[in-house]
């Protein structure tokens, strides 16, 4: 297996602000709560981002706990973030994304605290989602495909 893999997902806007996202054979509904114009049929994108961070940290914990000789009996992550909606609604010049994200690990183990602390430091350094949030990523629009009513497709 090559060391660099490309992961793909699609997001297809439905009625209102409901979006059906797909990756491989999986589907996830993303929506907004009613107070933000949605129908509340799924997490909103920024909640899904927080959930992805917690899920990634949990997976890394499961994979690496044995390598650190940490008996991982239970592992949970609570994640929260501060987002100023004035940035999204273009009411001010604040950034539209999170300014701060905090998480708490709940680890049930009989392993010594010193081992757990080393393990946690390692897992924080290996979570791809955490790394993608903490370090600038080359984010760019790849292309625009304009499909018009005449069945013509224009790619730019």
N, C-alpha and C. Protein backbone atom coordinates (compact mmCIF):
# COMPACT_ATOMS: atom_id res chain seq x y z
N UNK A 1 0.85 -1.18 0.00
CA UNK A 1 0.00 0.00 0.00
C UNK A 1 0.89 1.25 0.00
N UNK A 2 0.59 2.21 -0.87
CA UNK A 2 1.40 3.44 -0.90
C UNK A 2 1.23 4.22 0.40
N UNK A 3 2.26 4.98 0.78
CA UNK A 3 2.17 5.73 2.03
C UNK A 3 1.24 6.94 1.91
N UNK A 4 1.08 7.48 0.71
CA UNK A 4 0.15 8.60 0.52
C UNK A 4 -1.12 8.05 -0.10
N UNK A 5 -2.23 8.23 0.59
CA UNK A 5 -3.52 7.81 0.07
C UNK A 5 -4.40 9.03 -0.08
N UNK A 6 -5.24 9.01 -1.10
CA UNK A 6 -6.21 10.08 -1.31
C UNK A 6 -7.56 9.60 -0.83
N UNK A 7 -8.14 10.31 0.11
CA UNK A 7 -9.47 10.02 0.60
C UNK A 7 -10.44 10.97 -0.09
N UNK A 8 -11.65 10.50 -0.35
CA UNK A 8 -12.61 11.32 -1.09
C UNK A 8 -13.96 11.30 -0.40
N UNK A 9 -14.67 12.39 -0.56
CA UNK A 9 -16.04 12.51 -0.07
C UNK A 9 -16.79 13.45 -1.00
N UNK A 10 -18.10 13.31 -1.05
CA UNK A 10 -18.93 14.24 -1.81
C UNK A 10 -19.98 14.82 -0.88
N UNK A 11 -20.41 16.01 -1.20
CA UNK A 11 -21.47 16.67 -0.46
C UNK A 11 -22.48 17.19 -1.48
N UNK A 12 -23.74 16.76 -1.37
CA UNK A 12 -24.77 17.13 -2.34
C UNK A 12 -25.89 17.87 -1.62
N UNK A 13 -26.03 19.16 -1.96
CA UNK A 13 -27.04 20.01 -1.34
C UNK A 13 -28.44 19.53 -1.72
N UNK A 14 -29.30 19.40 -0.70
CA UNK A 14 -30.70 19.00 -0.91
C UNK A 14 -31.58 20.23 -0.71
N UNK A 15 -32.83 20.04 -0.31
CA UNK A 15 -33.71 21.17 -0.01
C UNK A 15 -33.18 21.94 1.19
N UNK A 16 -33.37 23.25 1.17
CA UNK A 16 -32.91 24.09 2.27
C UNK A 16 -31.40 23.99 2.41
N UNK A 17 -30.93 23.74 3.62
CA UNK A 17 -29.49 23.62 3.85
C UNK A 17 -29.09 22.20 4.20
N UNK A 18 -29.98 21.25 3.99
CA UNK A 18 -29.67 19.84 4.22
C UNK A 18 -28.71 19.35 3.14
N UNK A 19 -27.68 18.60 3.56
CA UNK A 19 -26.66 18.10 2.65
C UNK A 19 -26.49 16.60 2.89
N UNK A 20 -26.46 15.84 1.83
CA UNK A 20 -26.14 14.41 1.95
C UNK A 20 -24.69 14.25 1.56
N UNK A 21 -23.90 13.77 2.51
CA UNK A 21 -22.48 13.55 2.25
C UNK A 21 -22.24 12.05 2.09
N UNK A 22 -21.28 11.72 1.24
CA UNK A 22 -20.95 10.31 1.01
C UNK A 22 -19.45 10.14 0.94
N UNK A 23 -18.98 9.05 1.52
CA UNK A 23 -17.59 8.63 1.42
C UNK A 23 -17.62 7.11 1.35
N UNK A 24 -16.99 6.56 0.33
CA UNK A 24 -17.06 5.13 0.06
C UNK A 24 -18.54 4.72 0.02
N UNK A 25 -18.96 3.71 0.78
CA UNK A 25 -20.36 3.28 0.74
C UNK A 25 -21.18 3.88 1.88
N UNK A 26 -20.64 4.90 2.56
CA UNK A 26 -21.29 5.47 3.74
C UNK A 26 -21.92 6.82 3.42
N UNK A 27 -22.99 7.11 4.15
CA UNK A 27 -23.73 8.35 3.94
C UNK A 27 -23.98 9.02 5.29
N UNK A 28 -23.85 10.32 5.32
CA UNK A 28 -24.08 11.10 6.53
C UNK A 28 -24.88 12.34 6.14
N UNK A 29 -25.95 12.59 6.88
CA UNK A 29 -26.74 13.80 6.64
C UNK A 29 -26.17 14.92 7.49
N UNK A 30 -25.90 16.04 6.84
CA UNK A 30 -25.44 17.25 7.51
C UNK A 30 -26.54 18.28 7.33
N UNK A 31 -26.90 18.98 8.37
CA UNK A 31 -27.97 19.96 8.33
C UNK A 31 -27.64 21.05 9.35
N UNK A 32 -28.49 21.98 9.50
CA UNK A 32 -28.36 23.01 10.52
C UNK A 32 -29.54 22.90 11.47
N UNK A 33 -29.36 23.35 12.71
CA UNK A 33 -30.51 23.40 13.61
C UNK A 33 -31.54 24.40 13.08
N UNK A 34 -32.75 24.28 13.56
CA UNK A 34 -33.82 25.16 13.07
C UNK A 34 -33.51 26.64 13.28
N UNK A 35 -32.84 26.97 14.41
CA UNK A 35 -32.54 28.39 14.67
C UNK A 35 -31.49 28.95 13.71
N UNK A 36 -30.84 28.07 12.92
CA UNK A 36 -29.88 28.54 11.91
C UNK A 36 -30.38 28.24 10.49
N UNK A 37 -31.70 28.03 10.36
CA UNK A 37 -32.30 27.88 9.02
C UNK A 37 -32.40 26.46 8.51
N UNK A 38 -32.08 25.48 9.32
CA UNK A 38 -32.13 24.10 8.87
C UNK A 38 -33.37 23.38 9.33
N UNK A 39 -33.39 22.06 9.12
CA UNK A 39 -34.50 21.23 9.55
C UNK A 39 -34.09 20.31 10.69
N UNK A 40 -32.86 20.43 11.15
CA UNK A 40 -32.34 19.69 12.30
C UNK A 40 -32.40 18.18 12.09
N UNK A 41 -32.01 17.73 10.89
CA UNK A 41 -32.02 16.29 10.59
C UNK A 41 -30.64 15.67 10.72
N UNK A 42 -29.65 16.46 11.10
CA UNK A 42 -28.31 15.93 11.28
C UNK A 42 -27.42 16.98 11.93
N UNK A 43 -26.20 16.55 12.25
CA UNK A 43 -25.21 17.49 12.78
C UNK A 43 -24.96 18.58 11.76
N UNK A 44 -24.55 19.75 12.24
CA UNK A 44 -24.13 20.75 11.26
C UNK A 44 -22.64 20.54 10.97
N UNK A 45 -22.09 21.18 9.94
CA UNK A 45 -20.70 20.91 9.56
C UNK A 45 -19.68 21.13 10.66
N UNK A 46 -19.87 22.17 11.48
CA UNK A 46 -18.88 22.43 12.51
C UNK A 46 -18.99 21.42 13.66
N UNK A 47 -20.19 20.90 13.91
CA UNK A 47 -20.34 19.82 14.88
C UNK A 47 -19.71 18.54 14.35
N UNK A 48 -19.89 18.28 13.06
CA UNK A 48 -19.28 17.09 12.45
C UNK A 48 -17.76 17.17 12.52
N UNK A 49 -17.21 18.37 12.39
CA UNK A 49 -15.78 18.56 12.52
C UNK A 49 -15.31 18.19 13.93
N UNK A 50 -16.04 18.66 14.94
CA UNK A 50 -15.69 18.31 16.32
C UNK A 50 -15.81 16.80 16.54
N UNK A 51 -16.88 16.21 16.03
CA UNK A 51 -17.07 14.77 16.17
C UNK A 51 -15.96 14.01 15.46
N UNK A 52 -15.52 14.50 14.31
CA UNK A 52 -14.42 13.85 13.58
C UNK A 52 -13.12 13.90 14.38
N UNK A 53 -12.87 15.01 15.04
CA UNK A 53 -11.68 15.11 15.87
C UNK A 53 -11.73 14.09 17.01
N UNK A 54 -12.85 14.04 17.71
CA UNK A 54 -12.98 13.08 18.80
C UNK A 54 -12.90 11.63 18.33
N UNK A 55 -13.51 11.35 17.18
CA UNK A 55 -13.46 9.99 16.63
C UNK A 55 -12.04 9.62 16.23
N UNK A 56 -11.32 10.55 15.62
CA UNK A 56 -9.95 10.30 15.21
C UNK A 56 -9.06 10.03 16.42
N UNK A 57 -9.20 10.85 17.45
CA UNK A 57 -8.42 10.64 18.67
C UNK A 57 -8.74 9.29 19.30
N UNK A 58 -10.00 8.89 19.26
CA UNK A 58 -10.41 7.61 19.81
C UNK A 58 -9.80 6.44 19.05
N UNK A 59 -9.79 6.55 17.73
CA UNK A 59 -9.21 5.49 16.89
C UNK A 59 -7.71 5.38 17.13
N UNK A 60 -7.03 6.52 17.19
CA UNK A 60 -5.59 6.51 17.45
C UNK A 60 -5.33 5.90 18.83
N UNK A 61 -6.18 6.22 19.80
CA UNK A 61 -6.02 5.65 21.14
C UNK A 61 -6.12 4.13 21.10
N UNK A 62 -7.12 3.62 20.40
CA UNK A 62 -7.30 2.17 20.32
C UNK A 62 -6.12 1.49 19.62
N UNK A 63 -5.63 2.09 18.56
CA UNK A 63 -4.54 1.49 17.78
C UNK A 63 -3.23 1.49 18.56
N UNK A 64 -2.94 2.58 19.28
CA UNK A 64 -1.62 2.72 19.90
C UNK A 64 -1.55 2.34 21.37
N UNK A 65 -2.67 2.18 22.05
CA UNK A 65 -2.63 1.83 23.48
C UNK A 65 -1.77 0.59 23.76
N UNK A 66 -1.91 -0.49 22.98
CA UNK A 66 -1.07 -1.66 23.26
C UNK A 66 0.43 -1.39 23.11
N UNK A 67 0.80 -0.51 22.18
CA UNK A 67 2.22 -0.21 21.97
C UNK A 67 2.81 0.54 23.17
N UNK A 68 1.96 1.20 23.94
CA UNK A 68 2.40 1.92 25.14
C UNK A 68 2.10 1.13 26.40
N UNK A 69 1.64 -0.09 26.21
CA UNK A 69 1.29 -0.97 27.33
C UNK A 69 0.26 -0.31 28.24
N UNK A 70 -0.73 0.36 27.60
CA UNK A 70 -1.82 0.98 28.32
C UNK A 70 -3.06 0.11 28.12
N UNK A 71 -3.61 -0.36 29.24
CA UNK A 71 -4.82 -1.18 29.22
C UNK A 71 -6.01 -0.23 29.08
N UNK A 72 -6.48 -0.07 27.85
CA UNK A 72 -7.55 0.88 27.56
C UNK A 72 -8.90 0.18 27.75
N UNK A 73 -9.49 0.36 28.92
CA UNK A 73 -10.78 -0.27 29.23
C UNK A 73 -11.94 0.54 28.68
N UNK A 74 -11.79 1.85 28.65
CA UNK A 74 -12.80 2.73 28.06
C UNK A 74 -12.12 4.04 27.70
N UNK A 75 -12.60 4.67 26.64
CA UNK A 75 -12.01 5.92 26.18
C UNK A 75 -13.13 6.76 25.57
N UNK A 76 -13.26 7.99 26.04
CA UNK A 76 -14.27 8.91 25.52
C UNK A 76 -13.64 10.28 25.39
N UNK A 77 -14.08 11.02 24.39
CA UNK A 77 -13.58 12.38 24.19
C UNK A 77 -14.78 13.32 24.14
N UNK A 78 -14.75 14.36 24.95
CA UNK A 78 -15.72 15.45 24.84
C UNK A 78 -15.00 16.59 24.14
N UNK A 79 -15.62 17.13 23.09
CA UNK A 79 -15.00 18.18 22.28
C UNK A 79 -15.96 19.36 22.21
N UNK A 80 -15.41 20.56 22.37
CA UNK A 80 -16.22 21.77 22.22
C UNK A 80 -15.39 22.84 21.55
N UNK A 81 -16.07 23.74 20.85
CA UNK A 81 -15.35 24.81 20.15
C UNK A 81 -16.12 26.10 20.18
N UNK A 82 -15.40 27.20 20.09
CA UNK A 82 -15.99 28.54 20.08
C UNK A 82 -15.96 29.09 18.66
N UNK A 83 -17.13 29.48 18.20
CA UNK A 83 -17.28 29.98 16.84
C UNK A 83 -18.13 31.24 16.91
N UNK A 84 -17.63 32.33 16.36
CA UNK A 84 -18.36 33.60 16.34
C UNK A 84 -19.20 33.63 15.07
N UNK A 85 -20.52 33.50 15.21
CA UNK A 85 -21.41 33.45 14.05
C UNK A 85 -21.42 34.75 13.24
N UNK A 86 -20.94 35.84 13.82
CA UNK A 86 -20.86 37.09 13.05
C UNK A 86 -19.92 36.92 11.85
N UNK A 87 -18.91 36.07 11.96
CA UNK A 87 -18.02 35.82 10.83
C UNK A 87 -18.74 35.11 9.71
N UNK A 88 -19.53 34.08 10.03
CA UNK A 88 -20.29 33.34 9.01
C UNK A 88 -21.35 34.23 8.37
N UNK A 89 -22.06 35.00 9.18
CA UNK A 89 -23.14 35.84 8.67
C UNK A 89 -22.63 37.17 8.10
N UNK A 90 -21.32 37.33 8.00
CA UNK A 90 -20.69 38.51 7.38
C UNK A 90 -21.09 39.81 8.09
N UNK A 91 -21.25 39.73 9.40
CA UNK A 91 -21.61 40.92 10.19
C UNK A 91 -20.39 41.60 10.77
N UNK A 92 -19.24 40.95 10.68
CA UNK A 92 -18.00 41.56 11.16
C UNK A 92 -16.83 40.87 10.46
N UNK A 93 -15.63 41.34 10.76
CA UNK A 93 -14.44 40.79 10.11
C UNK A 93 -13.84 39.62 10.89
N UNK A 94 -14.53 39.10 11.92
CA UNK A 94 -13.99 37.95 12.63
C UNK A 94 -14.00 36.74 11.71
N UNK A 95 -13.10 35.83 11.96
CA UNK A 95 -13.02 34.64 11.10
C UNK A 95 -14.30 33.83 11.22
N UNK A 96 -14.72 33.16 10.15
CA UNK A 96 -15.94 32.36 10.20
C UNK A 96 -15.76 31.00 10.88
N UNK A 97 -14.53 30.61 11.10
CA UNK A 97 -14.27 29.29 11.69
C UNK A 97 -14.04 29.37 13.19
N UNK A 98 -13.72 28.21 13.75
CA UNK A 98 -13.46 28.14 15.18
C UNK A 98 -12.26 28.99 15.57
N UNK A 99 -12.39 29.67 16.71
CA UNK A 99 -11.24 30.39 17.28
C UNK A 99 -10.52 29.49 18.28
N UNK A 100 -11.28 28.63 18.97
CA UNK A 100 -10.71 27.73 19.96
C UNK A 100 -11.47 26.41 19.94
N UNK A 101 -10.73 25.33 20.07
CA UNK A 101 -11.31 24.00 20.23
C UNK A 101 -10.64 23.36 21.44
N UNK A 102 -11.47 22.81 22.34
CA UNK A 102 -10.97 22.16 23.54
C UNK A 102 -11.52 20.74 23.59
N UNK A 103 -10.74 19.84 24.15
CA UNK A 103 -11.22 18.47 24.30
C UNK A 103 -10.73 17.90 25.62
N UNK A 104 -11.51 16.95 26.11
CA UNK A 104 -11.19 16.26 27.36
C UNK A 104 -11.21 14.77 27.09
N UNK A 105 -10.14 14.09 27.48
CA UNK A 105 -10.08 12.64 27.37
C UNK A 105 -10.55 12.03 28.69
N UNK A 106 -11.43 11.07 28.60
CA UNK A 106 -11.85 10.26 29.75
C UNK A 106 -11.31 8.86 29.49
N UNK A 107 -10.34 8.46 30.28
CA UNK A 107 -9.65 7.19 30.07
C UNK A 107 -9.85 6.30 31.28
N UNK A 108 -10.44 5.15 31.05
CA UNK A 108 -10.56 4.17 32.12
C UNK A 108 -9.46 3.14 31.92
N UNK A 109 -8.56 3.05 32.90
CA UNK A 109 -7.42 2.16 32.80
C UNK A 109 -6.85 1.85 34.18
N UNK A 110 -6.16 0.75 34.28
CA UNK A 110 -5.42 0.43 35.49
C UNK A 110 -3.93 0.71 35.31
N UNK A 111 -3.56 1.25 34.16
CA UNK A 111 -2.16 1.54 33.86
C UNK A 111 -1.68 2.73 34.67
N UNK A 112 -0.37 2.78 34.96
CA UNK A 112 0.18 3.91 35.73
C UNK A 112 0.01 5.24 34.99
N UNK A 113 -0.20 6.30 35.76
CA UNK A 113 -0.43 7.64 35.19
C UNK A 113 0.72 8.06 34.27
N UNK A 114 1.95 7.72 34.61
CA UNK A 114 3.10 8.11 33.79
C UNK A 114 2.99 7.50 32.38
N UNK A 115 2.62 6.23 32.29
CA UNK A 115 2.43 5.58 30.98
C UNK A 115 1.29 6.23 30.21
N UNK A 116 0.21 6.54 30.91
CA UNK A 116 -0.95 7.15 30.26
C UNK A 116 -0.57 8.54 29.72
N UNK A 117 0.18 9.30 30.48
CA UNK A 117 0.59 10.64 30.03
C UNK A 117 1.47 10.56 28.78
N UNK A 118 2.40 9.61 28.73
CA UNK A 118 3.24 9.42 27.54
C UNK A 118 2.39 9.01 26.36
N UNK A 119 1.47 8.12 26.59
CA UNK A 119 0.55 7.64 25.56
C UNK A 119 -0.29 8.80 25.01
N UNK A 120 -0.84 9.63 25.89
CA UNK A 120 -1.67 10.75 25.47
C UNK A 120 -0.86 11.75 24.65
N UNK A 121 0.36 12.05 25.07
CA UNK A 121 1.21 12.97 24.30
C UNK A 121 1.44 12.43 22.90
N UNK A 122 1.67 11.13 22.80
CA UNK A 122 1.87 10.51 21.50
C UNK A 122 0.60 10.56 20.66
N UNK A 123 -0.52 10.20 21.24
CA UNK A 123 -1.75 10.15 20.45
C UNK A 123 -2.14 11.53 19.94
N UNK A 124 -1.89 12.57 20.73
CA UNK A 124 -2.18 13.93 20.26
C UNK A 124 -1.31 14.29 19.05
N UNK A 125 -0.13 13.71 18.97
CA UNK A 125 0.77 14.03 17.85
C UNK A 125 0.46 13.21 16.60
N UNK A 126 -0.37 12.17 16.71
CA UNK A 126 -0.61 11.27 15.58
C UNK A 126 -2.02 11.32 15.02
N UNK A 127 -2.91 12.10 15.58
CA UNK A 127 -4.28 12.19 15.08
C UNK A 127 -4.31 13.04 13.81
N UNK A 128 -4.63 12.45 12.64
CA UNK A 128 -4.63 13.21 11.39
C UNK A 128 -5.61 14.40 11.39
N UNK A 129 -6.76 14.24 12.03
CA UNK A 129 -7.72 15.35 12.06
C UNK A 129 -7.18 16.48 12.93
N UNK A 130 -6.64 16.14 14.09
CA UNK A 130 -6.05 17.17 14.95
C UNK A 130 -4.91 17.90 14.26
N UNK A 131 -4.07 17.13 13.57
CA UNK A 131 -2.96 17.74 12.84
C UNK A 131 -3.48 18.67 11.74
N UNK A 132 -4.54 18.24 11.04
CA UNK A 132 -5.11 19.05 9.96
C UNK A 132 -5.70 20.35 10.49
N UNK A 133 -6.23 20.32 11.70
CA UNK A 133 -6.79 21.53 12.30
C UNK A 133 -5.70 22.46 12.85
N UNK A 134 -4.66 21.87 13.42
CA UNK A 134 -3.64 22.67 14.10
C UNK A 134 -2.57 23.22 13.16
N UNK A 135 -2.42 22.61 11.99
CA UNK A 135 -1.36 22.99 11.06
C UNK A 135 -1.99 23.41 9.74
N UNK A 136 -1.54 24.51 9.14
CA UNK A 136 -2.14 24.92 7.86
C UNK A 136 -2.08 23.80 6.82
N UNK A 137 -3.18 23.66 6.10
CA UNK A 137 -3.32 22.65 5.04
C UNK A 137 -3.44 23.39 3.72
N UNK A 138 -2.89 22.83 2.66
CA UNK A 138 -3.06 23.42 1.33
C UNK A 138 -4.49 23.17 0.88
N UNK A 139 -5.36 24.13 1.09
CA UNK A 139 -6.77 24.03 0.74
C UNK A 139 -7.02 24.89 -0.48
N UNK A 140 -7.50 24.25 -1.56
CA UNK A 140 -7.73 25.02 -2.78
C UNK A 140 -8.89 24.43 -3.56
N UNK A 141 -9.57 25.30 -4.28
CA UNK A 141 -10.62 24.88 -5.21
C UNK A 141 -9.94 24.22 -6.39
N UNK A 142 -10.29 22.98 -6.67
CA UNK A 142 -9.65 22.23 -7.74
C UNK A 142 -10.16 22.66 -9.12
N UNK A 143 -11.48 22.76 -9.26
CA UNK A 143 -12.08 23.23 -10.52
C UNK A 143 -13.54 23.52 -10.28
N UNK A 144 -14.16 24.17 -11.25
CA UNK A 144 -15.59 24.47 -11.23
C UNK A 144 -16.19 23.83 -12.46
N UNK A 145 -17.23 23.05 -12.28
CA UNK A 145 -17.96 22.46 -13.41
C UNK A 145 -19.34 23.10 -13.41
N UNK A 146 -19.65 23.84 -14.46
CA UNK A 146 -20.95 24.50 -14.59
C UNK A 146 -21.81 23.67 -15.52
N UNK A 147 -22.90 23.17 -14.98
CA UNK A 147 -23.83 22.37 -15.78
C UNK A 147 -25.04 23.25 -16.07
N UNK A 148 -25.32 23.48 -17.34
CA UNK A 148 -26.47 24.33 -17.63
C UNK A 148 -27.63 23.50 -18.15
N UNK A 149 -28.76 24.15 -18.39
CA UNK A 149 -29.98 23.46 -18.78
C UNK A 149 -29.88 22.79 -20.14
N UNK A 150 -28.96 23.17 -20.96
CA UNK A 150 -28.80 22.58 -22.29
C UNK A 150 -27.94 21.32 -22.26
N UNK A 151 -27.71 20.78 -21.09
CA UNK A 151 -26.90 19.57 -20.90
C UNK A 151 -25.44 19.78 -21.27
N UNK A 152 -25.05 21.03 -21.42
CA UNK A 152 -23.65 21.30 -21.69
C UNK A 152 -22.92 21.34 -20.35
N UNK A 153 -21.69 20.92 -20.37
CA UNK A 153 -20.89 20.97 -19.16
C UNK A 153 -19.66 21.84 -19.45
N UNK A 154 -19.46 22.82 -18.63
CA UNK A 154 -18.34 23.74 -18.81
C UNK A 154 -17.41 23.55 -17.62
N UNK A 155 -16.17 23.20 -17.90
CA UNK A 155 -15.18 23.01 -16.83
C UNK A 155 -14.17 24.13 -16.86
N UNK A 156 -13.91 24.70 -15.72
CA UNK A 156 -12.90 25.77 -15.61
C UNK A 156 -11.83 25.35 -14.65
